[in-house]
């Protein structure tokens, strides 16, 4: 299995896109300096970090969506992480940080500037039902809670530690 790593760390003052930063200080509520335009829906301890694979972004770009790293609002853009193998309850070590995947992101209208149909391109009823065989599985990203805080950097390895579900 190829090794996975952090490609880019992204934050914003709220909403999308998120812009890259050289390192991220991670707390139980996410990356320092990152804010949420709609805190009733986004953020909190169970949705502290949004992770999206660069390979998934490339798939969407191939479908004609004008995306780039950070465009979908992800905090971590990864390289080498297989989105199809991501499952709720998995725990990953990312550099010195430990996270647990809590849910697949359900996309909202915030993504609409990237083109009509992007929500359907990244999320379908199978994904909503938890069917990981959907071709859209985790294209929208996964949320994670932070179990151990710390600092992360681009290039930090991402390693599956265990699965609780």
C-alpha atoms as a PDB file:
ATOM      1  CA  UNK A   1       0.000   0.000   0.000  1.00  0.00           C
ATOM      2  CA  UNK A   2       1.462   3.387  -0.935  1.00  0.00           C
ATOM      3  CA  UNK A   3       2.146   5.727   1.935  1.00  0.00           C
ATOM      4  CA  UNK A   4      -0.322   8.528   2.584  1.00  0.00           C
ATOM      5  CA  UNK A   5       0.637  12.039   3.625  1.00  0.00           C
ATOM      6  CA  UNK A   6      -0.625  15.554   4.169  1.00  0.00           C
ATOM      7  CA  UNK A   7      -0.350  17.484   0.914  1.00  0.00           C
ATOM      8  CA  UNK A   8      -1.781  20.802   2.114  1.00  0.00           C
ATOM      9  CA  UNK A   9      -3.238  22.336   5.306  1.00  0.00           C
ATOM     10  CA  UNK A  10      -6.045  24.845   4.749  1.00  0.00           C
ATOM     11  CA  UNK A  11      -7.946  27.414   6.834  1.00  0.00           C
ATOM     12  CA  UNK A  12     -10.334  30.317   6.267  1.00  0.00           C
ATOM     13  CA  UNK A  13     -12.110  33.002   8.233  1.00  0.00           C
ATOM     14  CA  UNK A  14     -15.338  31.218   7.326  1.00  0.00           C
ATOM     15  CA  UNK A  15     -16.619  29.417   4.272  1.00  0.00           C
ATOM     16  CA  UNK A  16     -14.804  28.417   1.113  1.00  0.00           C
ATOM     17  CA  UNK A  17     -12.267  28.375  -0.283  1.00  0.00           C
ATOM     18  CA  UNK A  18      -9.749  27.681   2.402  1.00  0.00           C
ATOM     19  CA  UNK A  19      -6.173  28.851   1.825  1.00  0.00           C
ATOM     20  CA  UNK A  20      -2.951  26.966   2.527  1.00  0.00           C
ATOM     21  CA  UNK A  21      -0.861  27.550   5.637  1.00  0.00           C
ATOM     22  CA  UNK A  22       2.659  26.260   6.343  1.00  0.00           C
ATOM     23  CA  UNK A  23       1.692  24.335   9.496  1.00  0.00           C
ATOM     24  CA  UNK A  24      -1.451  23.727  11.518  1.00  0.00           C
ATOM     25  CA  UNK A  25      -1.872  23.806  15.271  1.00  0.00           C
ATOM     26  CA  UNK A  26      -4.647  21.284  15.885  1.00  0.00           C
ATOM     27  CA  UNK A  27      -6.939  21.440  18.907  1.00  0.00           C
ATOM     28  CA  UNK A  28     -10.092  19.532  19.810  1.00  0.00           C
ATOM     29  CA  UNK A  29     -12.063  22.094  17.783  1.00  0.00           C
ATOM     30  CA  UNK A  30      -9.890  22.011  14.661  1.00  0.00           C
ATOM     31  CA  UNK A  31      -7.010  23.989  13.231  1.00  0.00           C
ATOM     32  CA  UNK A  32      -6.119  27.289  14.888  1.00  0.00           C
ATOM     33  CA  UNK A  33      -7.139  30.192  12.647  1.00  0.00           C
ATOM     34  CA  UNK A  34      -9.949  28.296  10.941  1.00  0.00           C
ATOM     35  CA  UNK A  35     -13.488  29.614  11.346  1.00  0.00           C
ATOM     36  CA  UNK A  36     -16.912  28.514  10.166  1.00  0.00           C
ATOM     37  CA  UNK A  37     -19.443  30.721   8.369  1.00  0.00           C
ATOM     38  CA  UNK A  38     -22.286  28.608   9.740  1.00  0.00           C
ATOM     39  CA  UNK A  39     -21.209  27.207  13.137  1.00  0.00           C
ATOM     40  CA  UNK A  40     -24.645  25.665  13.723  1.00  0.00           C
ATOM     41  CA  UNK A  41     -23.828  23.200  10.921  1.00  0.00           C
ATOM     42  CA  UNK A  42     -20.024  23.135  10.627  1.00  0.00           C
ATOM     43  CA  UNK A  43     -17.280  22.631  13.158  1.00  0.00           C
ATOM     44  CA  UNK A  44     -17.503  21.412  16.716  1.00  0.00           C
ATOM     45  CA  UNK A  45     -15.650  18.506  18.293  1.00  0.00           C
ATOM     46  CA  UNK A  46     -17.164  15.821  16.006  1.00  0.00           C
ATOM     47  CA  UNK A  47     -16.460  17.835  12.844  1.00  0.00           C
ATOM     48  CA  UNK A  48     -13.168  19.419  13.864  1.00  0.00           C
ATOM     49  CA  UNK A  49     -11.261  18.521  10.684  1.00  0.00           C
ATOM     50  CA  UNK A  50     -12.491  18.021   7.113  1.00  0.00           C
ATOM     51  CA  UNK A  51     -10.259  15.703   5.078  1.00  0.00           C
ATOM     52  CA  UNK A  52     -10.397  15.394   1.280  1.00  0.00           C
ATOM     53  CA  UNK A  53      -8.051  13.417  -0.964  1.00  0.00           C
ATOM     54  CA  UNK A  54      -6.164  15.158  -3.761  1.00  0.00           C
ATOM     55  CA  UNK A  55      -6.988  12.162  -5.940  1.00  0.00           C
ATOM     56  CA  UNK A  56     -10.706  12.833  -5.389  1.00  0.00           C
ATOM     57  CA  UNK A  57     -10.195  16.478  -6.348  1.00  0.00           C
ATOM     58  CA  UNK A  58      -8.437  15.277  -9.521  1.00  0.00           C
ATOM     59  CA  UNK A  59     -11.421  13.032 -10.341  1.00  0.00           C
ATOM     60  CA  UNK A  60     -13.759  16.001 -10.037  1.00  0.00           C
ATOM     61  CA  UNK A  61     -11.471  18.216 -12.108  1.00  0.00           C
ATOM     62  CA  UNK A  62     -11.569  15.543 -14.827  1.00  0.00           C
ATOM     63  CA  UNK A  63     -15.371  15.898 -14.772  1.00  0.00           C
ATOM     64  CA  UNK A  64     -14.975  19.611 -15.523  1.00  0.00           C
ATOM     65  CA  UNK A  65     -15.279  21.167 -12.068  1.00  0.00           C
ATOM     66  CA  UNK A  66     -12.786  24.060 -11.606  1.00  0.00           C
ATOM     67  CA  UNK A  67     -11.290  22.848  -8.327  1.00  0.00           C
ATOM     68  CA  UNK A  68      -7.977  23.193  -6.536  1.00  0.00           C
ATOM     69  CA  UNK A  69      -6.683  22.176  -3.114  1.00  0.00           C
ATOM     70  CA  UNK A  70      -8.729  23.985  -0.468  1.00  0.00           C
ATOM     71  CA  UNK A  71     -11.599  24.835  -2.836  1.00  0.00           C
ATOM     72  CA  UNK A  72     -14.015  22.370  -1.258  1.00  0.00           C
ATOM     73  CA  UNK A  73     -13.346  23.712   2.227  1.00  0.00           C
ATOM     74  CA  UNK A  74     -11.134  20.900   3.400  1.00  0.00           C
ATOM     75  CA  UNK A  75      -8.693  21.453   6.230  1.00  0.00           C
ATOM     76  CA  UNK A  76      -6.418  18.668   5.054  1.00  0.00           C
ATOM     77  CA  UNK A  77      -5.763  17.770   1.449  1.00  0.00           C
ATOM     78  CA  UNK A  78      -4.114  14.361   1.379  1.00  0.00           C
ATOM     79  CA  UNK A  79      -2.013  12.384  -1.074  1.00  0.00           C
ATOM     80  CA  UNK A  80      -2.031   8.592  -1.233  1.00  0.00           C
ATOM     81  CA  UNK A  81      -5.041   8.089   1.041  1.00  0.00           C
ATOM     82  CA  UNK A  82      -7.623   5.836  -0.614  1.00  0.00           C
ATOM     83  CA  UNK A  83     -10.995   7.523  -0.125  1.00  0.00           C
ATOM     84  CA  UNK A  84     -12.764   4.241  -0.880  1.00  0.00           C
ATOM     85  CA  UNK A  85     -11.179   2.621   2.178  1.00  0.00           C
ATOM     86  CA  UNK A  86     -12.217   5.370   4.620  1.00  0.00           C
ATOM     87  CA  UNK A  87     -14.754   4.267   7.243  1.00  0.00           C
ATOM     88  CA  UNK A  88     -16.502   5.847  10.212  1.00  0.00           C
ATOM     89  CA  UNK A  89     -14.640   4.933  13.407  1.00  0.00           C
ATOM     90  CA  UNK A  90     -11.193   4.605  11.857  1.00  0.00           C
ATOM     91  CA  UNK A  91      -8.416   6.327  13.756  1.00  0.00           C
ATOM     92  CA  UNK A  92      -5.481   7.878  11.951  1.00  0.00           C
ATOM     93  CA  UNK A  93      -2.195   9.302  13.160  1.00  0.00           C
ATOM     94  CA  UNK A  94      -1.399  12.422  11.152  1.00  0.00           C
ATOM     95  CA  UNK A  95       2.057  13.540  12.182  1.00  0.00           C
ATOM     96  CA  UNK A  96       1.719  13.885  15.959  1.00  0.00           C
ATOM     97  CA  UNK A  97      -2.074  14.314  15.841  1.00  0.00           C
ATOM     98  CA  UNK A  98      -4.591  11.496  16.324  1.00  0.00           C
ATOM     99  CA  UNK A  99      -8.031  11.776  14.690  1.00  0.00           C
ATOM    100  CA  UNK A 100     -11.110   9.581  14.385  1.00  0.00           C
ATOM    101  CA  UNK A 101     -13.371   9.681  11.339  1.00  0.00           C
ATOM    102  CA  UNK A 102     -16.867  10.604  12.494  1.00  0.00           C
ATOM    103  CA  UNK A 103     -18.942  11.102   9.334  1.00  0.00           C
ATOM    104  CA  UNK A 104     -18.980  11.574   5.599  1.00  0.00           C
ATOM    105  CA  UNK A 105     -19.560  15.195   4.703  1.00  0.00           C
ATOM    106  CA  UNK A 106     -22.968  16.001   3.249  1.00  0.00           C
ATOM    107  CA  UNK A 107     -22.351  18.814   0.725  1.00  0.00           C
ATOM    108  CA  UNK A 108     -24.441  21.976   0.779  1.00  0.00           C
ATOM    109  CA  UNK A 109     -25.100  24.873  -1.565  1.00  0.00           C
ATOM    110  CA  UNK A 110     -21.801  26.457  -0.520  1.00  0.00           C
ATOM    111  CA  UNK A 111     -20.148  24.346  -3.224  1.00  0.00           C
ATOM    112  CA  UNK A 112     -22.396  25.736  -5.997  1.00  0.00           C
ATOM    113  CA  UNK A 113     -19.834  28.278  -7.307  1.00  0.00           C
ATOM    114  CA  UNK A 114     -17.872  25.311  -8.657  1.00  0.00           C
ATOM    115  CA  UNK A 115     -20.640  24.369 -11.048  1.00  0.00           C
ATOM    116  CA  UNK A 116     -24.127  22.976 -11.287  1.00  0.00           C
ATOM    117  CA  UNK A 117     -24.316  19.389 -10.201  1.00  0.00           C
ATOM    118  CA  UNK A 118     -21.219  19.312  -8.019  1.00  0.00           C
ATOM    119  CA  UNK A 119     -23.247  18.184  -4.980  1.00  0.00           C
ATOM    120  CA  UNK A 120     -24.579  15.192  -6.945  1.00  0.00           C
ATOM    121  CA  UNK A 121     -21.113  14.479  -8.319  1.00  0.00           C
ATOM    122  CA  UNK A 122     -19.704  14.045  -4.801  1.00  0.00           C
ATOM    123  CA  UNK A 123     -22.641  12.588  -2.845  1.00  0.00           C
ATOM    124  CA  UNK A 124     -25.568  10.300  -3.622  1.00  0.00           C
ATOM    125  CA  UNK A 125     -28.182   8.243  -1.787  1.00  0.00           C
ATOM    126  CA  UNK A 126     -25.770   5.309  -1.512  1.00  0.00           C
ATOM    127  CA  UNK A 127     -23.228   7.509   0.282  1.00  0.00           C
ATOM    128  CA  UNK A 128     -25.968   8.876   2.548  1.00  0.00           C
ATOM    129  CA  UNK A 129     -26.962   5.292   3.357  1.00  0.00           C
ATOM    130  CA  UNK A 130     -23.351   4.420   4.237  1.00  0.00           C
ATOM    131  CA  UNK A 131     -22.723   2.252   1.179  1.00  0.00           C
ATOM    132  CA  UNK A 132     -18.963   2.438   0.662  1.00  0.00           C
ATOM    133  CA  UNK A 133     -19.254   0.744  -2.752  1.00  0.00           C
ATOM    134  CA  UNK A 134     -20.706   3.954  -4.218  1.00  0.00           C
ATOM    135  CA  UNK A 135     -18.342   5.494  -6.793  1.00  0.00           C
ATOM    136  CA  UNK A 136     -18.918   8.782  -4.949  1.00  0.00           C
ATOM    137  CA  UNK A 137     -17.847   7.391  -1.548  1.00  0.00           C
ATOM    138  CA  UNK A 138     -15.995  10.135   0.368  1.00  0.00           C
ATOM    139  CA  UNK A 139     -15.545  12.413  -2.673  1.00  0.00           C
ATOM    140  CA  UNK A 140     -17.190  15.091  -0.516  1.00  0.00           C
ATOM    141  CA  UNK A 141     -14.694  14.436   2.275  1.00  0.00           C
ATOM    142  CA  UNK A 142     -14.852  13.045   5.790  1.00  0.00           C
ATOM    143  CA  UNK A 143     -15.077  14.810   9.113  1.00  0.00           C
ATOM    144  CA  UNK A 144     -12.859  13.780  11.992  1.00  0.00           C
ATOM    145  CA  UNK A 145     -12.693  14.468  15.696  1.00  0.00           C
ATOM    146  CA  UNK A 146      -9.334  15.185  17.303  1.00  0.00           C
ATOM    147  CA  UNK A 147      -8.291  12.628  19.916  1.00  0.00           C
ATOM    148  CA  UNK A 148      -4.761  13.991  20.419  1.00  0.00           C
ATOM    149  CA  UNK A 149      -3.881  17.585  19.618  1.00  0.00           C
ATOM    150  CA  UNK A 150      -0.595  18.747  18.150  1.00  0.00           C
ATOM    151  CA  UNK A 151       0.955  20.379  15.130  1.00  0.00           C
ATOM    152  CA  UNK A 152       0.808  19.068  11.579  1.00  0.00           C
ATOM    153  CA  UNK A 153       2.873  19.949   8.530  1.00  0.00           C
ATOM    154  CA  UNK A 154       2.661  19.226   4.811  1.00  0.00           C
ATOM    155  CA  UNK A 155       4.464  15.950   4.208  1.00  0.00           C
ATOM    156  CA  UNK A 156       3.470  14.450   7.553  1.00  0.00           C
ATOM    157  CA  UNK A 157       2.576  10.763   7.197  1.00  0.00           C
ATOM    158  CA  UNK A 158      -0.989   9.544   7.625  1.00  0.00           C
ATOM    159  CA  UNK A 159      -1.258   6.099   9.192  1.00  0.00           C
ATOM    160  CA  UNK A 160      -4.296   4.016  10.052  1.00  0.00           C
ATOM    161  CA  UNK A 161      -4.012   3.182  13.755  1.00  0.00           C
ATOM    162  CA  UNK A 162      -7.200   1.207  14.397  1.00  0.00           C
ATOM    163  CA  UNK A 163     -10.889   0.901  13.704  1.00  0.00           C
ATOM    164  CA  UNK A 164     -13.499   1.256  16.439  1.00  0.00           C
ATOM    165  CA  UNK A 165     -16.641   0.551  14.413  1.00  0.00           C
END
